[in-house]
Protein backbone atom coordinates (compact mmCIF):
# COMPACT_ATOMS: atom_id res chain seq x y z
CA MET A 1 -48.67 -9.20 -41.34
CA THR A 2 -46.86 -11.91 -39.41
CA THR A 3 -49.15 -14.43 -37.77
CA ILE A 4 -48.12 -15.76 -34.38
CA PRO A 5 -48.68 -19.55 -34.39
CA ALA A 6 -51.07 -20.92 -31.83
CA ILE A 7 -49.58 -22.81 -28.92
CA ASN A 8 -50.78 -26.34 -28.35
CA HIS A 9 -51.10 -26.33 -24.58
CA LYS A 10 -51.73 -30.05 -24.51
CA ASP A 11 -48.37 -30.87 -26.11
CA SER A 12 -46.42 -28.38 -24.05
CA THR A 13 -47.94 -29.07 -20.65
CA ILE A 14 -45.30 -29.76 -17.98
CA SER A 15 -46.02 -32.66 -15.68
CA PRO A 16 -46.27 -31.78 -11.97
CA THR A 17 -43.42 -34.22 -11.28
CA THR A 18 -40.99 -32.42 -13.61
CA SER A 19 -39.46 -28.96 -13.83
CA PRO A 20 -37.59 -27.01 -16.51
CA THR A 21 -34.30 -27.98 -14.86
CA SER A 22 -35.01 -31.68 -14.37
CA PRO A 23 -33.57 -34.31 -16.78
CA THR A 24 -37.07 -35.12 -18.18
CA SER A 25 -38.04 -31.49 -18.75
CA VAL A 26 -39.58 -30.54 -22.09
CA PHE A 27 -36.73 -28.04 -22.42
CA GLU A 28 -34.11 -30.80 -22.43
CA SER A 29 -34.29 -31.12 -26.20
CA ASP A 30 -33.44 -27.43 -26.56
CA LEU A 31 -30.21 -27.80 -24.58
CA PRO A 32 -28.67 -31.09 -25.70
CA ILE A 33 -25.04 -30.11 -25.12
CA PHE A 34 -25.39 -28.45 -21.72
CA ALA A 35 -27.52 -31.30 -20.44
CA THR A 36 -24.80 -33.86 -21.08
CA SER A 37 -21.45 -32.07 -21.26
CA TYR A 38 -21.17 -30.90 -17.65
CA PRO A 39 -22.55 -33.52 -15.23
CA SER A 40 -23.27 -32.41 -11.71
CA SER A 41 -20.67 -34.86 -10.37
CA THR A 42 -17.80 -32.95 -12.04
CA SER A 43 -15.24 -31.69 -9.51
CA LEU A 44 -12.14 -29.52 -9.64
CA ASN A 45 -9.99 -32.65 -9.48
CA ASP A 46 -11.42 -34.15 -12.69
CA THR A 47 -8.84 -33.96 -15.47
CA LYS A 48 -10.70 -35.76 -18.25
CA LEU A 49 -12.88 -33.82 -20.66
CA THR A 50 -16.29 -35.14 -21.67
CA ASN A 51 -16.93 -36.81 -25.01
CA ASN A 52 -18.87 -33.83 -26.37
CA SER A 53 -15.99 -31.39 -25.74
CA ILE A 54 -13.10 -30.62 -28.08
CA ASP A 55 -10.21 -33.05 -28.32
CA SER A 56 -8.47 -33.24 -24.94
CA SER A 57 -4.86 -33.05 -26.16
CA ASP A 58 -5.55 -30.14 -28.52
CA PHE A 59 -7.43 -28.29 -25.81
CA LYS A 60 -4.63 -28.61 -23.26
CA GLN A 61 -1.93 -27.72 -25.75
CA GLN A 62 -3.73 -24.64 -27.04
CA THR A 63 -4.73 -23.25 -23.65
CA GLN A 64 -1.32 -23.86 -22.11
CA LYS A 65 0.39 -22.11 -25.02
CA SER A 66 -1.92 -19.10 -24.74
CA ILE A 67 -1.56 -18.81 -20.96
CA LEU A 68 2.22 -19.15 -21.01
CA ASN A 69 2.45 -16.62 -23.82
CA THR A 70 0.46 -14.08 -21.79
CA LEU A 71 2.49 -14.72 -18.65
CA LYS A 72 5.74 -14.39 -20.57
CA PHE A 73 4.92 -11.05 -22.16
CA GLU A 74 3.33 -9.58 -19.02
CA SER A 75 6.31 -10.58 -16.88
CA GLU A 76 8.65 -9.06 -19.46
CA ALA A 77 6.60 -5.85 -19.42
CA VAL A 78 6.93 -5.68 -15.62
CA SER A 79 10.67 -6.32 -15.88
CA ASN A 80 10.95 -3.52 -18.43
CA LEU A 81 9.08 -1.23 -16.03
CA TYR A 82 11.60 -2.04 -13.29
CA ASN A 83 14.50 -1.25 -15.64
CA GLN A 84 12.77 1.95 -16.74
CA TYR A 85 12.79 3.30 -13.19
CA GLN A 86 16.38 2.32 -12.66
CA ASN A 87 17.76 3.99 -15.78
CA ASP A 88 15.37 6.50 -17.36
CA GLU A 89 15.98 9.91 -15.83
CA PHE A 90 12.88 11.48 -17.41
CA SER A 91 10.56 8.86 -15.90
CA ILE A 92 12.22 9.07 -12.48
CA ASN A 93 12.02 12.88 -12.38
CA GLN A 94 8.38 12.86 -13.43
CA LEU A 95 7.50 10.26 -10.79
CA ASN A 96 9.30 12.20 -8.06
CA LYS A 97 7.45 15.35 -9.08
CA SER A 98 4.15 13.47 -8.94
CA LEU A 99 5.01 12.13 -5.49
CA GLU A 100 5.84 15.62 -4.27
CA ILE A 101 2.53 17.02 -5.54
CA MET A 102 0.57 14.20 -3.85
CA TYR A 103 2.53 14.65 -0.61
CA ASN A 104 1.92 18.42 -0.49
CA CYS A 105 -1.77 17.93 -1.25
CA HIS A 106 -2.29 15.53 1.65
CA GLN A 107 0.21 16.76 4.22
CA PHE A 108 0.08 20.55 3.92
CA LYS A 109 -3.03 21.51 1.94
CA LYS A 110 -5.18 18.81 3.56
CA GLY A 111 -6.80 18.18 0.18
CA LYS A 112 -7.86 14.96 -1.49
CA ILE A 113 -6.59 13.00 -4.45
CA ILE A 114 -9.25 12.63 -7.15
CA LEU A 115 -8.83 9.91 -9.78
CA THR A 116 -10.63 9.80 -13.10
CA GLY A 117 -10.60 7.66 -16.23
CA ILE A 118 -12.92 6.00 -18.70
CA GLY A 119 -13.55 2.30 -19.35
CA LYS A 120 -10.96 0.02 -17.73
CA SER A 121 -9.10 3.12 -16.58
CA PHE A 122 -12.10 4.03 -14.42
CA LYS A 123 -11.95 0.54 -12.87
CA LEU A 124 -8.28 1.19 -12.11
CA ALA A 125 -9.25 4.52 -10.55
CA LEU A 126 -11.71 2.73 -8.24
CA LYS A 127 -9.02 0.31 -7.10
CA LEU A 128 -6.48 3.05 -6.40
CA GLU A 129 -9.09 5.10 -4.52
CA ALA A 130 -9.75 2.11 -2.25
CA THR A 131 -6.03 1.61 -1.61
CA LEU A 132 -5.42 5.28 -0.83
CA ASN A 133 -8.35 5.50 1.59
CA SER A 134 -7.32 2.30 3.36
CA LEU A 135 -3.93 3.96 3.97
CA SER A 136 -5.68 7.04 5.45
CA ILE A 137 -4.97 9.17 2.37
CA HIS A 138 -8.21 10.96 1.42
CA SER A 139 -9.24 10.04 -2.11
CA SER A 140 -12.28 10.09 -4.43
CA VAL A 141 -13.15 9.03 -7.97
CA LEU A 142 -14.71 11.22 -10.64
CA HIS A 143 -16.42 9.71 -13.68
CA PRO A 144 -15.72 11.91 -16.73
CA SER A 145 -19.31 11.74 -17.99
CA GLU A 146 -20.81 12.58 -14.59
CA ALA A 147 -18.26 15.37 -14.19
CA LEU A 148 -19.99 17.35 -16.94
CA HIS A 149 -23.33 16.87 -15.21
CA GLY A 150 -22.52 18.32 -11.80
CA ASP A 151 -19.80 16.12 -10.29
CA LEU A 152 -17.13 18.74 -11.03
CA GLY A 153 -18.41 20.20 -7.77
CA MET A 154 -16.40 17.62 -5.82
CA ILE A 155 -13.16 19.37 -6.84
CA HIS A 156 -12.07 21.80 -4.11
CA ASN A 157 -9.24 24.32 -4.12
CA ASN A 158 -6.73 22.13 -2.28
CA ASP A 159 -7.36 18.96 -4.28
CA ILE A 160 -5.37 17.38 -7.10
CA LEU A 161 -6.50 15.18 -10.00
CA ILE A 162 -4.94 12.07 -11.49
CA PHE A 163 -6.05 11.39 -15.05
CA ILE A 164 -5.73 7.72 -16.06
CA SER A 165 -5.43 7.03 -19.78
CA SER A 166 -3.28 4.36 -21.39
CA SER A 167 -3.14 6.18 -24.73
CA GLY A 168 -3.29 9.68 -23.31
CA ASN A 169 -5.87 10.51 -25.99
CA SER A 170 -9.16 9.76 -24.20
CA ASP A 171 -11.79 12.19 -25.53
CA GLU A 172 -13.75 12.09 -22.28
CA LEU A 173 -10.74 13.37 -20.29
CA ILE A 174 -9.83 15.95 -22.93
CA ASN A 175 -13.39 17.28 -22.78
CA ILE A 176 -13.34 17.94 -19.02
CA LEU A 177 -9.84 19.46 -19.05
CA GLN A 178 -11.10 22.94 -19.91
CA HIS A 179 -13.59 22.89 -17.01
CA ILE A 180 -10.99 22.24 -14.29
CA PRO A 181 -9.68 25.37 -12.51
CA ASP A 182 -6.15 26.33 -13.60
CA HIS A 183 -4.69 26.16 -10.08
CA ILE A 184 -5.62 22.46 -9.65
CA PRO A 185 -2.58 20.22 -10.36
CA ILE A 186 -3.31 17.37 -12.78
CA LEU A 187 -1.16 14.22 -12.96
CA LEU A 188 -1.39 11.76 -15.84
CA LEU A 189 -1.01 7.99 -15.37
CA THR A 190 -0.30 6.74 -18.89
CA ASN A 191 1.58 4.28 -21.10
CA LYS A 192 2.53 6.93 -23.68
CA SER A 193 4.94 9.80 -23.07
CA LYS A 194 3.74 11.61 -26.18
CA SER A 195 0.00 12.13 -26.52
CA ILE A 196 -2.63 14.87 -26.56
CA LEU A 197 -2.90 14.88 -22.78
CA SER A 198 0.79 14.41 -21.97
CA GLN A 199 1.72 17.42 -24.12
CA ASN A 200 -1.05 19.61 -22.75
CA LYS A 201 0.30 22.45 -20.58
CA ARG A 202 -2.32 21.69 -17.90
CA ILE A 203 -0.62 18.38 -17.05
CA SER A 204 1.73 18.98 -14.13
CA SER A 205 3.59 15.66 -14.29
CA LEU A 206 3.45 12.13 -15.66
CA ILE A 207 3.20 8.77 -13.93
CA PHE A 208 4.65 6.99 -16.93
CA ALA A 209 4.49 3.19 -17.33
CA ASP A 210 6.20 2.68 -20.67
CA LEU A 211 4.72 -0.10 -22.82
CA SER A 212 6.61 -0.94 -26.00
CA THR A 213 4.82 -2.00 -29.18
CA THR A 214 6.35 -5.47 -28.82
CA HIS A 215 4.56 -6.00 -25.50
CA ASN A 216 1.18 -4.37 -26.01
CA GLU A 217 -2.11 -6.23 -26.28
CA LEU A 218 -2.16 -6.29 -30.09
CA SER A 219 1.25 -7.94 -30.22
CA ILE A 220 0.36 -10.60 -27.66
CA HIS A 221 -3.11 -11.70 -28.76
CA GLY A 222 -4.10 -9.45 -31.64
CA ILE A 223 -6.92 -7.89 -29.59
CA PRO A 224 -6.47 -4.48 -27.93
CA ALA A 225 -8.39 -5.48 -24.78
CA PRO A 226 -6.65 -3.69 -21.85
CA THR A 227 -4.59 -6.31 -20.02
CA VAL A 228 -0.84 -5.77 -19.91
CA SER A 229 -1.26 -1.97 -20.07
CA TYR A 230 -3.63 -2.19 -17.09
CA THR A 231 -1.20 -4.46 -15.21
CA ILE A 232 1.87 -2.24 -15.42
CA SER A 233 -0.17 0.92 -14.75
CA LEU A 234 -1.58 -0.71 -11.61
CA ILE A 235 1.86 -1.86 -10.45
CA LEU A 236 3.43 1.57 -10.92
CA ALA A 237 0.50 3.38 -9.27
CA ASP A 238 0.53 0.97 -6.32
CA SER A 239 4.27 1.55 -5.90
CA LEU A 240 3.70 5.31 -5.86
CA VAL A 241 0.87 5.08 -3.32
CA LEU A 242 2.86 2.83 -0.97
CA SER A 243 5.87 5.12 -1.23
CA LEU A 244 3.65 8.08 -0.31
CA SER A 245 2.30 6.25 2.74
CA GLU A 246 5.86 5.47 3.90
CA ILE A 247 6.90 9.11 3.54
CA LEU A 248 3.85 10.27 5.50
CA GLU A 249 4.61 7.79 8.32
CA SER A 250 8.07 6.21 8.43
CA ASP A 251 7.31 3.99 11.41
CA LEU A 252 6.07 0.62 10.12
CA THR A 253 4.28 -0.26 13.35
CA LYS A 254 2.32 2.99 13.30
CA ARG A 255 1.45 2.51 9.63
CA LYS A 256 0.15 -0.98 10.33
CA HIS A 257 -1.81 0.20 13.34
CA LYS A 258 -3.43 3.00 11.33
CA PHE A 259 -4.18 0.56 8.50
CA SER A 260 -5.77 -1.88 10.95
CA LYS A 261 -8.27 0.81 11.98
CA LYS A 262 -9.30 1.33 8.36
CA HIS A 263 -9.41 -2.40 7.54
CA PRO A 264 -11.03 -4.21 10.50
CA GLY A 265 -12.78 -6.82 8.34
CA GLY A 266 -11.71 -10.09 6.75
CA SER A 267 -8.64 -12.17 7.49
CA ILE A 268 -6.43 -9.05 7.17
CA GLY A 269 -8.43 -7.22 9.82
CA SER A 270 -8.52 -10.28 12.07
CA SER A 271 -4.75 -10.76 11.86
CA LEU A 272 -3.98 -7.09 12.56
CA SER A 273 -6.51 -7.00 15.39
CA MET A 274 -4.75 -9.88 17.12
CA GLU A 275 -1.37 -8.25 16.61
CA PHE A 276 -2.34 -4.88 18.08
CA SER A 277 -4.48 -6.26 20.90
CA LYS A 278 -1.25 -7.47 22.52
CA PHE A 279 -0.28 -3.97 23.53
CA LYS A 280 -1.87 -0.56 23.87
CA PRO A 281 -0.16 2.06 21.72
CA PHE A 282 0.94 5.17 23.60
CA ASN A 283 0.62 8.72 22.41
CA LYS A 284 3.96 10.26 21.46
CA LYS A 285 3.02 13.73 22.77
CA GLU A 286 1.95 12.28 26.11
CA GLU A 287 5.23 10.36 26.24
CA VAL A 288 7.31 13.51 25.77
CA ASP A 289 5.19 15.52 28.23
CA GLU A 290 5.57 12.79 30.84
CA GLN A 291 9.33 12.78 30.48
CA GLN A 292 9.52 16.55 30.75
CA LYS A 293 7.58 16.41 34.03
CA ASN A 294 9.94 13.89 35.60
CA TYR A 295 13.37 15.03 34.57
CA SER A 296 15.06 18.07 33.08
CA ILE A 297 17.36 18.09 30.09
CA SER A 298 20.59 20.01 30.26
CA SER A 299 20.76 22.94 27.83
CA ASN A 300 24.51 22.30 27.47
CA SER A 301 24.02 19.04 25.57
CA THR A 302 26.34 18.26 22.66
CA SER A 303 25.35 18.12 19.00
CA TYR A 304 24.43 14.50 19.65
CA ASP A 305 21.94 15.57 22.35
CA SER A 306 24.32 13.92 24.84
CA LEU A 307 22.73 12.93 28.10
CA SER A 308 24.29 10.76 30.76
CA LEU A 309 22.44 8.67 33.29
CA LYS A 310 25.31 9.50 35.66
CA LYS A 311 24.66 13.21 35.30
CA PHE A 312 21.17 13.02 36.74
CA SER A 313 20.78 14.44 40.21
CA THR A 314 19.53 12.23 43.04
CA ARG A 315 16.06 13.69 42.64
CA GLU A 316 16.08 13.01 38.89
CA GLU A 317 17.23 9.42 39.45
CA ASP A 318 14.37 8.93 41.92
CA ASN A 319 11.90 10.33 39.40
CA LEU A 320 13.25 8.05 36.69
CA SER A 321 12.97 5.00 38.95
CA SER A 322 9.45 5.86 40.05
CA LEU A 323 8.37 6.40 36.45
CA GLU A 324 9.82 3.03 35.46
CA LEU A 325 8.09 1.32 38.38
CA LYS A 326 4.82 3.03 37.50
CA PHE A 327 5.09 1.95 33.88
CA ASN A 328 6.06 -1.64 34.74
CA HIS A 329 3.20 -1.85 37.22
CA LYS A 330 0.71 -1.13 34.43
CA SER A 331 2.21 -3.73 32.12
CA SER A 332 0.75 -7.17 32.00
CA PRO A 333 3.29 -9.81 33.18
CA THR A 334 2.70 -11.79 30.00
CA SER A 335 2.68 -8.82 27.61
CA LYS A 336 5.96 -7.00 27.04
CA LYS A 337 6.24 -3.62 25.38
CA ILE A 338 8.32 -3.97 22.22
CA LYS A 339 9.96 -1.17 20.25
CA ILE A 340 10.35 -2.23 16.62
CA ILE A 341 13.24 -0.45 14.93
CA ASN A 342 15.51 -0.92 11.90
CA HIS A 343 19.28 -0.83 11.43
CA GLU A 344 19.30 2.69 10.03
CA GLU A 345 17.35 4.03 13.00
CA ILE A 346 19.89 2.48 15.38
CA LEU A 347 22.79 4.13 13.53
CA ASN A 348 21.02 7.51 13.65
CA LEU A 349 19.84 7.06 17.24
CA LYS A 350 20.27 9.94 19.70
CA GLU A 351 20.67 9.54 23.42
CA ILE A 352 17.40 11.28 24.25
CA GLU A 353 15.59 8.73 22.07
CA LEU A 354 17.38 5.90 23.83
CA LEU A 355 16.13 7.17 27.18
CA LYS A 356 12.57 7.10 25.81
CA TYR A 357 13.04 3.44 24.87
CA ILE A 358 14.38 2.67 28.36
CA LEU A 359 11.36 4.31 29.96
CA PHE A 360 8.59 2.90 27.83
CA PHE A 361 9.69 -0.48 26.50
CA ASP A 362 10.83 -3.89 27.70
CA LEU A 363 12.44 -5.06 24.46
CA ILE A 364 13.91 -3.56 21.30
CA LYS A 365 13.43 -5.60 18.14
CA ILE A 366 15.13 -5.62 14.73
CA ASP A 367 13.57 -8.14 12.32
CA ASP A 368 13.58 -11.40 14.30
CA LEU A 369 16.33 -10.29 16.72
CA THR A 370 15.72 -8.67 20.12
CA ILE A 371 17.56 -7.22 23.11
CA ASP A 372 16.03 -6.55 26.52
CA ILE A 373 16.10 -3.04 27.96
CA GLU A 374 18.13 -4.03 31.02
CA SER A 375 20.96 -5.16 28.75
CA VAL A 376 20.71 -1.87 26.84
CA LYS A 377 21.01 0.09 30.11
CA LEU A 378 24.06 -1.87 31.23
CA LEU A 379 25.68 -1.43 27.85
CA TYR A 380 24.97 2.30 27.89
CA LYS A 381 26.46 2.79 31.37
CA LYS A 382 29.51 0.75 30.47
CA ILE A 383 30.38 2.67 27.31
CA CYS A 384 28.91 6.14 27.68
CA CYS A 385 28.91 7.08 31.39
CA PHE A 386 31.95 8.64 33.10
CA ASP A 387 32.85 9.87 36.57
CA ASP A 388 35.08 12.53 35.07
CA ASP A 389 32.92 15.12 33.26
CA THR A 390 35.96 16.52 31.43
CA LYS A 391 36.78 13.11 29.99
CA LYS A 392 33.14 12.67 29.06
CA GLU A 393 33.11 15.94 27.07
CA GLU A 394 36.14 14.78 25.06
CA THR A 395 34.94 11.30 24.20
CA SER A 396 31.14 11.49 24.21
CA CYS A 397 30.73 11.52 20.42
CA GLU A 398 33.26 8.79 19.85
CA ASN A 399 31.84 6.52 22.54
CA TRP A 400 28.25 7.15 21.50
CA SER A 401 29.09 5.89 18.00
CA LYS A 402 30.83 2.90 19.56
CA PHE A 403 27.78 2.21 21.73
CA LYS A 404 25.48 2.09 18.68
CA TRP A 405 27.72 -0.38 16.87
CA VAL A 406 28.02 -2.59 19.95
CA LEU A 407 24.25 -2.36 20.44
CA LEU A 408 23.65 -3.56 16.88
CA ARG A 409 25.85 -6.60 17.48
CA SER A 410 24.08 -7.38 20.75
CA PHE A 411 20.72 -8.31 19.22
CA LYS A 412 20.02 -12.04 19.45
């Protein structure tokens, strides 16, 4: 039997004026290196290493070589991923199919996107869930182990699953595969195009971030700790999520406004709050209803939805003026209503949309360039309005195209 030695309380008594963390503590002898190697006065600006550390030059050389080596291979892996989605038709088709499944789930089926993985892949699932929810795309995470103990109940008929597995051979995901209803689409985010999961008929499509053997973790550092595989999987998944959000809402201002409601905290929330406090967003349906109350649209419009300010009756002109005055009266003198638009939207612009801009905005903005609405109205009347209706019918399409090009060149 092992005998526990008696403790000499007299020798080990701590003086009231000392503590285990003070320089004269009885524990100081047990921690000789830590007590002297890292003085409390050390700051981030100190470049010299202490005498008890490894040789300074060797330390710097070794760490710099390791860091640069990691950065080199990870940047090359990202570059390869970019080239993959420029040239590899299989990867592109699979990604487009995945995007379509995610879009249909959110937009039409009103379901949620459930992400699952094990180990670092589960951490990646948590990150992607947070990103999706912040973009107003309903998402949840499912831990494979908990799934077999009741959490499979979170999967509803209109949902989809995204399995995350670098190898595509994760036993935990393979085990839950048989318990998922057949009608639930399953996507696979992976670094291997050929694996147990990728070749399973239950997998609807791949989100494939190819990682060659020359750029995997074993080749870089000799240790298969998930690093570069995690990085390129995250980059590809983020790209897919952002693309989905842009398809769901093409207007950047509306996307930012919606995001600001989901992310009110931190410096991001503060910045967006200041941006959107400058003006009060209007409801698109209310805008259209208001226009329909105040003026009628001719049923004989051209394929370009041609409308002419000249063609309005006196009553319609009065209504338009009163609506403009009413809108301007509500606007703050120091806060102008700005319509943010891009070049493509200008080139595809229809006249009915232009009239909406004239009614509800003071400025139109492309990037850092703007044009005031009064200038737009003058330009429109100059190019597109005619006294002779016959002449207008003949040249409306041609002049409308000319107007859009001139409008583009008028931004300053």
